[in-house]
C-alpha atoms as a PDB file:
ATOM      1  CA  MET A   1     211.133  12.425  55.790  1.00  0.00           C
ATOM      2  CA  ALA A   2     209.974  15.559  57.605  1.00  0.00           C
ATOM      3  CA  THR A   3     209.218  15.502  61.332  1.00  0.00           C
ATOM      4  CA  THR A   4     206.817  18.020  62.832  1.00  0.00           C
ATOM      5  CA  GLU A   5     206.451  19.262  66.408  1.00  0.00           C
ATOM      6  CA  PRO A   6     205.938  16.484  68.984  1.00  0.00           C
ATOM      7  CA  TRP A   7     202.584  15.878  70.626  1.00  0.00           C
ATOM      8  CA  HIS A   8     202.404  14.718  74.235  1.00  0.00           C
ATOM      9  CA  TYR A   9     199.924  12.072  75.382  1.00  0.00           C
ATOM     10  CA  ARG A  10     199.818  10.110  78.648  1.00  0.00           C
ATOM     11  CA  GLY A  11     203.570  10.405  79.205  1.00  0.00           C
ATOM     12  CA  TYR A  12     204.619   9.680  75.628  1.00  0.00           C
ATOM     13  CA  ASP A  13     205.989  11.908  72.899  1.00  0.00           C
ATOM     14  CA  ILE A  14     204.288  11.346  69.556  1.00  0.00           C
ATOM     15  CA  LEU A  15     206.428  12.512  66.652  1.00  0.00           C
ATOM     16  CA  PRO A  16     204.489  12.784  63.366  1.00  0.00           C
ATOM     17  CA  GLN A  17     206.667  12.150  60.310  1.00  0.00           C
ATOM     18  CA  ARG A  18     205.803  12.894  56.708  1.00  0.00           C
ATOM     19  CA  GLN A  19     206.852  10.019  54.445  1.00  0.00           C
ATOM     20  CA  TRP A  20     206.148  10.074  50.741  1.00  0.00           C
ATOM     21  CA  SER A  21     202.485  11.019  50.419  1.00  0.00           C
ATOM     22  CA  GLY A  22     201.436   9.893  53.913  1.00  0.00           C
ATOM     23  CA  TRP A  23     202.130  10.177  57.632  1.00  0.00           C
ATOM     24  CA  CYS A  24     203.494   7.823  60.273  1.00  0.00           C
ATOM     25  CA  VAL A  25     204.457   8.516  63.888  1.00  0.00           C
ATOM     26  CA  GLY A  26     207.228   7.706  66.323  1.00  0.00           C
ATOM     27  CA  ILE A  27     206.126   6.996  69.912  1.00  0.00           C
ATOM     28  CA  HIS A  28     208.610   7.388  72.754  1.00  0.00           C
ATOM     29  CA  PRO A  29     208.054   7.267  76.546  1.00  0.00           C
ATOM     30  CA  THR A  30     209.126  10.353  78.479  1.00  0.00           C
ATOM     31  CA  ARG A  31     209.422   8.566  81.848  1.00  0.00           C
ATOM     32  CA  SER A  32     211.253   5.431  82.926  1.00  0.00           C
ATOM     33  CA  ASP A  33     208.147   3.935  84.574  1.00  0.00           C
ATOM     34  CA  LEU A  34     206.274   3.677  81.246  1.00  0.00           C
ATOM     35  CA  PRO A  35     206.456   0.555  79.085  1.00  0.00           C
ATOM     36  CA  LEU A  36     208.424   0.647  75.840  1.00  0.00           C
ATOM     37  CA  LEU A  37     206.596  -0.135  72.638  1.00  0.00           C
ATOM     38  CA  ALA A  38     207.754  -3.099  70.590  1.00  0.00           C
ATOM     39  CA  ARG A  39     208.152  -0.758  67.612  1.00  0.00           C
ATOM     40  CA  SER A  40     208.632   2.898  68.328  1.00  0.00           C
ATOM     41  CA  THR A  41     207.478   3.891  64.830  1.00  0.00           C
ATOM     42  CA  LEU A  42     204.056   2.830  63.620  1.00  0.00           C
ATOM     43  CA  GLN A  43     204.380   1.134  60.258  1.00  0.00           C
ATOM     44  CA  THR A  44     201.008   2.287  58.945  1.00  0.00           C
ATOM     45  CA  LEU A  45     201.034   5.205  56.564  1.00  0.00           C
ATOM     46  CA  VAL A  46     197.856   7.292  56.585  1.00  0.00           C
ATOM     47  CA  MET A  47     196.928  10.251  54.438  1.00  0.00           C
ATOM     48  CA  GLN A  48     196.213  12.781  57.216  1.00  0.00           C
ATOM     49  CA  LYS A  49     198.453  13.706  60.144  1.00  0.00           C
ATOM     50  CA  GLU A  50     195.380  13.715  62.424  1.00  0.00           C
ATOM     51  CA  GLU A  51     194.695  10.072  61.525  1.00  0.00           C
ATOM     52  CA  ALA A  52     198.254   9.155  62.478  1.00  0.00           C
ATOM     53  CA  LEU A  53     197.882  10.928  65.840  1.00  0.00           C
ATOM     54  CA  VAL A  54     194.571   9.167  66.576  1.00  0.00           C
ATOM     55  CA  GLU A  55     196.142   5.806  65.744  1.00  0.00           C
ATOM     56  CA  ALA A  56     199.138   6.554  67.991  1.00  0.00           C
ATOM     57  CA  LYS A  57     196.852   7.467  70.905  1.00  0.00           C
ATOM     58  CA  GLN A  58     194.948   4.196  70.453  1.00  0.00           C
ATOM     59  CA  VAL A  59     198.208   2.229  70.534  1.00  0.00           C
ATOM     60  CA  ILE A  60     199.294   4.031  73.712  1.00  0.00           C
ATOM     61  CA  ASP A  61     195.905   3.389  75.341  1.00  0.00           C
ATOM     62  CA  ARG A  62     196.122  -0.336  74.475  1.00  0.00           C
ATOM     63  CA  VAL A  63     199.680  -0.665  75.792  1.00  0.00           C
ATOM     64  CA  LEU A  64     198.895   1.128  79.058  1.00  0.00           C
ATOM     65  CA  SER A  65     195.719  -0.918  79.517  1.00  0.00           C
ATOM     66  CA  GLN A  66     197.652  -4.187  79.107  1.00  0.00           C
ATOM     67  CA  TYR A  67     200.428  -2.886  81.365  1.00  0.00           C
ATOM     68  CA  SER A  68     198.012  -1.975  84.144  1.00  0.00           C
ATOM     69  CA  ARG A  69     196.309  -5.404  83.926  1.00  0.00           C
ATOM     70  CA  CYS A  70     199.673  -7.162  84.230  1.00  0.00           C
ATOM     71  CA  ALA A  71     200.697  -4.955  87.149  1.00  0.00           C
ATOM     72  CA  ARG A  72     197.520  -5.888  89.050  1.00  0.00           C
ATOM     73  CA  ALA A  73     197.902  -9.643  88.399  1.00  0.00           C
END
């Protein structure tokens, strides 16, 4: 498993990891006020690193959207 340079998105570090013939990512908050993800590593393997990054950003967007709705309720 080879990890590449981290990407930063909305307060999270996204760590792309090469596994077998595909890519997955680890997602970790960089601040204590951000919600933790249930699984820090996405289980989906995709063929392109860019696909893995897009998927990670969508997960982060969903989590932050749900978090903000709960905070307002």
